[in-house]
C-alpha atoms as a PDB file:
ATOM      1  CA  MET A   1     119.622 111.345  53.973  1.00  0.00           C
ATOM      2  CA  ASP A   2     117.172 108.375  53.825  1.00  0.00           C
ATOM      3  CA  VAL A   3     113.557 108.851  54.839  1.00  0.00           C
ATOM      4  CA  THR A   4     111.050 106.397  55.214  1.00  0.00           C
ATOM      5  CA  ILE A   5     107.288 106.925  54.025  1.00  0.00           C
ATOM      6  CA  PRO A   6     105.402 105.262  55.736  1.00  0.00           C
ATOM      7  CA  PRO A   7     102.394 103.319  54.029  1.00  0.00           C
ATOM      8  CA  GLY A   8      99.051 105.334  53.458  1.00  0.00           C
ATOM      9  CA  VAL A   9     100.727 108.745  52.742  1.00  0.00           C
ATOM     10  CA  ASP A  10      98.899 110.962  50.441  1.00  0.00           C
ATOM     11  CA  THR A  11      99.628 113.912  49.100  1.00  0.00           C
ATOM     12  CA  GLY A  12     100.146 116.955  51.036  1.00  0.00           C
ATOM     13  CA  SER A  13     100.791 114.754  54.374  1.00  0.00           C
ATOM     14  CA  ARG A  14     103.824 116.129  56.154  1.00  0.00           C
ATOM     15  CA  ILE A  15     106.448 114.137  57.487  1.00  0.00           C
ATOM     16  CA  ARG A  16     108.465 115.524  60.595  1.00  0.00           C
ATOM     17  CA  LEU A  17     112.499 114.919  60.629  1.00  0.00           C
ATOM     18  CA  LYS A  18     113.379 115.460  64.397  1.00  0.00           C
ATOM     19  CA  GLY A  19     116.806 117.384  64.672  1.00  0.00           C
ATOM     20  CA  LYS A  20     117.367 117.226  60.700  1.00  0.00           C
ATOM     21  CA  GLY A  21     116.833 120.728  60.040  1.00  0.00           C
ATOM     22  CA  GLN A  22     118.662 123.712  60.253  1.00  0.00           C
ATOM     23  CA  ALA A  23     122.000 124.018  62.760  1.00  0.00           C
ATOM     24  CA  GLY A  24     120.489 126.481  66.144  1.00  0.00           C
ATOM     25  CA  LEU A  25     121.273 129.793  66.311  1.00  0.00           C
ATOM     26  CA  MET A  26     124.789 130.176  68.492  1.00  0.00           C
ATOM     27  CA  GLY A  27     125.377 126.216  68.823  1.00  0.00           C
ATOM     28  CA  GLY A  28     121.574 125.629  69.897  1.00  0.00           C
ATOM     29  CA  PRO A  29     120.374 122.082  68.802  1.00  0.00           C
ATOM     30  CA  SER A  30     119.338 122.016  65.085  1.00  0.00           C
ATOM     31  CA  GLY A  31     115.311 122.265  64.142  1.00  0.00           C
ATOM     32  CA  ASP A  32     113.201 119.833  62.599  1.00  0.00           C
ATOM     33  CA  LEU A  33     113.194 119.214  59.029  1.00  0.00           C
ATOM     34  CA  TYR A  34     109.463 119.005  57.376  1.00  0.00           C
ATOM     35  CA  ILE A  35     109.196 117.077  54.193  1.00  0.00           C
ATOM     36  CA  GLU A  36     105.843 117.249  52.290  1.00  0.00           C
ATOM     37  CA  THR A  37     104.788 114.488  50.098  1.00  0.00           C
ATOM     38  CA  HIS A  38     103.977 114.467  46.476  1.00  0.00           C
ATOM     39  CA  VAL A  39     101.945 110.972  45.566  1.00  0.00           C
ATOM     40  CA  ARG A  40     102.276 110.304  41.581  1.00  0.00           C
ATOM     41  CA  GLN A  41      98.461 108.668  40.158  1.00  0.00           C
ATOM     42  CA  ASP A  42      98.982 105.518  39.113  1.00  0.00           C
ATOM     43  CA  SER A  43      98.192 104.432  35.866  1.00  0.00           C
ATOM     44  CA  GLN A  44      96.309 101.059  37.221  1.00  0.00           C
ATOM     45  CA  PHE A  45      94.940 102.470  40.282  1.00  0.00           C
ATOM     46  CA  ALA A  46      93.068 105.421  41.667  1.00  0.00           C
ATOM     47  CA  ARG A  47      93.086 106.709  45.437  1.00  0.00           C
ATOM     48  CA  GLU A  48      89.686 108.108  46.892  1.00  0.00           C
ATOM     49  CA  GLY A  49      90.994 108.923  50.550  1.00  0.00           C
ATOM     50  CA  PRO A  50      91.592 105.333  52.158  1.00  0.00           C
ATOM     51  CA  HIS A  51      89.964 103.805  49.333  1.00  0.00           C
ATOM     52  CA  VAL A  52      91.340 102.356  46.149  1.00  0.00           C
ATOM     53  CA  ARG A  53      89.292 102.459  42.895  1.00  0.00           C
ATOM     54  CA  VAL A  54      90.511  99.979  39.645  1.00  0.00           C
ATOM     55  CA  HIS A  55      88.669  99.500  36.827  1.00  0.00           C
ATOM     56  CA  VAL A  56      88.516  95.391  35.528  1.00  0.00           C
ATOM     57  CA  PRO A  57      87.285  94.498  32.093  1.00  0.00           C
ATOM     58  CA  ILE A  58      84.695  91.879  31.937  1.00  0.00           C
ATOM     59  CA  THR A  59      83.101  89.948  29.020  1.00  0.00           C
ATOM     60  CA  TYR A  60      79.398  89.511  27.725  1.00  0.00           C
ATOM     61  CA  VAL A  61      79.231  85.818  29.001  1.00  0.00           C
ATOM     62  CA  GLU A  62      80.766  86.889  32.391  1.00  0.00           C
ATOM     63  CA  ALA A  63      77.980  89.567  32.738  1.00  0.00           C
ATOM     64  CA  VAL A  64      75.229  87.312  32.446  1.00  0.00           C
ATOM     65  CA  LEU A  65      76.131  84.621  33.488  1.00  0.00           C
ATOM     66  CA  GLY A  66      78.266  85.350  36.656  1.00  0.00           C
ATOM     67  CA  ALA A  67      81.985  84.521  36.830  1.00  0.00           C
ATOM     68  CA  LYS A  68      84.857  84.515  39.755  1.00  0.00           C
ATOM     69  CA  ILE A  69      87.323  86.270  38.138  1.00  0.00           C
ATOM     70  CA  GLU A  70      91.064  87.296  39.024  1.00  0.00           C
ATOM     71  CA  VAL A  71      91.169  91.016  39.836  1.00  0.00           C
ATOM     72  CA  PRO A  72      94.634  93.232  41.058  1.00  0.00           C
ATOM     73  CA  THR A  73      95.044  94.824  44.258  1.00  0.00           C
ATOM     74  CA  LEU A  74      97.928  96.562  46.031  1.00  0.00           C
ATOM     75  CA  THR A  75      99.490  93.595  46.891  1.00  0.00           C
ATOM     76  CA  GLY A  76      98.745  91.011  44.070  1.00  0.00           C
ATOM     77  CA  HIS A  77      95.633  89.823  43.053  1.00  0.00           C
ATOM     78  CA  ALA A  78      92.530  88.445  44.869  1.00  0.00           C
ATOM     79  CA  LEU A  79      89.028  86.691  43.233  1.00  0.00           C
ATOM     80  CA  LEU A  80      86.196  88.535  42.610  1.00  0.00           C
ATOM     81  CA  LYS A  81      82.441  86.914  42.518  1.00  0.00           C
ATOM     82  CA  ILE A  82      81.082  88.466  39.615  1.00  0.00           C
ATOM     83  CA  PRO A  83      77.099  87.935  40.072  1.00  0.00           C
ATOM     84  CA  PRO A  84      74.799  87.179  37.077  1.00  0.00           C
ATOM     85  CA  GLY A  85      73.771  90.004  35.418  1.00  0.00           C
ATOM     86  CA  THR A  86      76.255  92.487  36.297  1.00  0.00           C
ATOM     87  CA  GLN A  87      76.235  95.749  34.647  1.00  0.00           C
ATOM     88  CA  SER A  88      78.687  97.428  33.053  1.00  0.00           C
ATOM     89  CA  GLY A  89      79.718 100.335  35.634  1.00  0.00           C
ATOM     90  CA  GLN A  90      78.790  98.299  38.793  1.00  0.00           C
ATOM     91  CA  VAL A  91      80.990  98.434  41.932  1.00  0.00           C
ATOM     92  CA  PHE A  92      81.940  95.347  44.001  1.00  0.00           C
ATOM     93  CA  ARG A  93      83.781  96.389  46.971  1.00  0.00           C
ATOM     94  CA  LEU A  94      86.897  94.400  48.929  1.00  0.00           C
ATOM     95  CA  LYS A  95      87.145  95.282  52.208  1.00  0.00           C
ATOM     96  CA  GLU A  96      90.251  96.322  53.511  1.00  0.00           C
ATOM     97  CA  ARG A  97      92.296  95.840  50.543  1.00  0.00           C
ATOM     98  CA  GLY A  98      92.381  99.942  49.566  1.00  0.00           C
ATOM     99  CA  MET A  99      95.379 102.326  51.143  1.00  0.00           C
ATOM    100  CA  PRO A 100      96.735 101.305  54.732  1.00  0.00           C
ATOM    101  CA  SER A 101      96.119 103.654  57.596  1.00  0.00           C
ATOM    102  CA  LEU A 102      98.315 105.863  59.125  1.00  0.00           C
ATOM    103  CA  ARG A 103      96.491 106.232  62.324  1.00  0.00           C
ATOM    104  CA  HIS A 104      96.616 101.945  63.005  1.00  0.00           C
ATOM    105  CA  GLY A 105      93.125 101.610  61.771  1.00  0.00           C
ATOM    106  CA  PRO A 106      91.848  99.545  59.017  1.00  0.00           C
ATOM    107  CA  ALA A 107      92.758  99.597  55.771  1.00  0.00           C
ATOM    108  CA  GLY A 108      90.384 101.373  53.238  1.00  0.00           C
ATOM    109  CA  ASP A 109      88.878  99.559  50.524  1.00  0.00           C
ATOM    110  CA  LEU A 110      89.166  98.181  46.949  1.00  0.00           C
ATOM    111  CA  LEU A 111      86.288  99.348  44.497  1.00  0.00           C
ATOM    112  CA  VAL A 112      86.296  97.126  41.487  1.00  0.00           C
ATOM    113  CA  GLU A 113      84.357  98.863  39.003  1.00  0.00           C
ATOM    114  CA  VAL A 114      83.411  96.296  36.216  1.00  0.00           C
ATOM    115  CA  HIS A 115      83.319  97.408  32.146  1.00  0.00           C
ATOM    116  CA  LEU A 116      81.238  95.504  29.389  1.00  0.00           C
ATOM    117  CA  GLN A 117      84.159  95.033  27.134  1.00  0.00           C
ATOM    118  CA  THR A 118      82.285  93.399  23.844  1.00  0.00           C
ATOM    119  CA  PRO A 119      84.109  91.936  21.237  1.00  0.00           C
ATOM    120  CA  ARG A 120      85.553  93.926  18.517  1.00  0.00           C
ATOM    121  CA  VAL A 121      85.372  91.166  15.917  1.00  0.00           C
ATOM    122  CA  VAL A 122      82.485  88.351  15.794  1.00  0.00           C
ATOM    123  CA  ASP A 123      82.237  85.183  13.998  1.00  0.00           C
ATOM    124  CA  GLU A 124      78.945  84.671  11.783  1.00  0.00           C
ATOM    125  CA  ARG A 125      78.371  81.129  13.915  1.00  0.00           C
ATOM    126  CA  SER A 126      78.378  83.466  17.160  1.00  0.00           C
ATOM    127  CA  LYS A 127      76.512  86.793  15.359  1.00  0.00           C
ATOM    128  CA  ASP A 128      74.008  83.443  14.811  1.00  0.00           C
ATOM    129  CA  LEU A 129      73.461  82.582  18.351  1.00  0.00           C
ATOM    130  CA  LEU A 130      73.251  86.193  19.479  1.00  0.00           C
ATOM    131  CA  ARG A 131      70.409  86.991  16.986  1.00  0.00           C
ATOM    132  CA  GLU A 132      68.950  83.677  18.186  1.00  0.00           C
ATOM    133  CA  PHE A 133      69.534  85.350  22.131  1.00  0.00           C
ATOM    134  CA  GLY A 134      67.880  88.242  20.625  1.00  0.00           C
ATOM    135  CA  ARG A 135      64.921  86.984  19.686  1.00  0.00           C
ATOM    136  CA  LEU A 136      64.587  84.610  22.505  1.00  0.00           C
ATOM    137  CA  ASN A 137      64.838  87.771  25.554  1.00  0.00           C
ATOM    138  CA  PRO A 138      63.363  90.565  23.435  1.00  0.00           C
ATOM    139  CA  GLU A 139      64.225  93.906  25.817  1.00  0.00           C
ATOM    140  CA  ASN A 140      64.458  97.526  25.383  1.00  0.00           C
ATOM    141  CA  PRO A 141      66.866  99.156  27.686  1.00  0.00           C
ATOM    142  CA  ARG A 142      66.154 102.590  26.320  1.00  0.00           C
ATOM    143  CA  GLY A 143      62.850 102.408  27.854  1.00  0.00           C
ATOM    144  CA  TYR A 144      61.165 103.656  24.835  1.00  0.00           C
ATOM    145  CA  THR A 145      59.155 102.462  22.023  1.00  0.00           C
ATOM    146  CA  ASP A 146      61.081 102.272  18.340  1.00  0.00           C
ATOM    147  CA  PRO A 147      58.455 103.870  15.993  1.00  0.00           C
ATOM    148  CA  THR A 148      59.866 101.789  13.147  1.00  0.00           C
ATOM    149  CA  GLU A 149      58.237  98.558  14.862  1.00  0.00           C
ATOM    150  CA  GLY A 150      55.097  98.199  14.293  1.00  0.00           C
END
């Protein structure tokens, strides 16, 4: 038996197949068959009700200066504008790019959570430039004074 699962179905949803259940008593009509769905988790997207969350890495340069980046969606890709000064963990909402609605309303949103990815290997020239950047932009994000500085 083939069963069409409508877009937007979530774990625990029940689908009724009218007349596809057991045969009725003494030649009566067949009953209904109910199928309970279980939606497998995806490695890239996490469902949050009608919304879908995706984690996307960004570079330090993209976070500081801003950028337009391509992000995955349920149907392909979309361009997302990262504003200058974006923080790791910041969430951007792409309206109606989440799960389709079962009741013909608008789809949920795609929640793009960006995370700063720092390079593991940095050449000497880049290190020198970062040190210079640090001298030009002294900032203490922890909010307390280092007792060794003085």
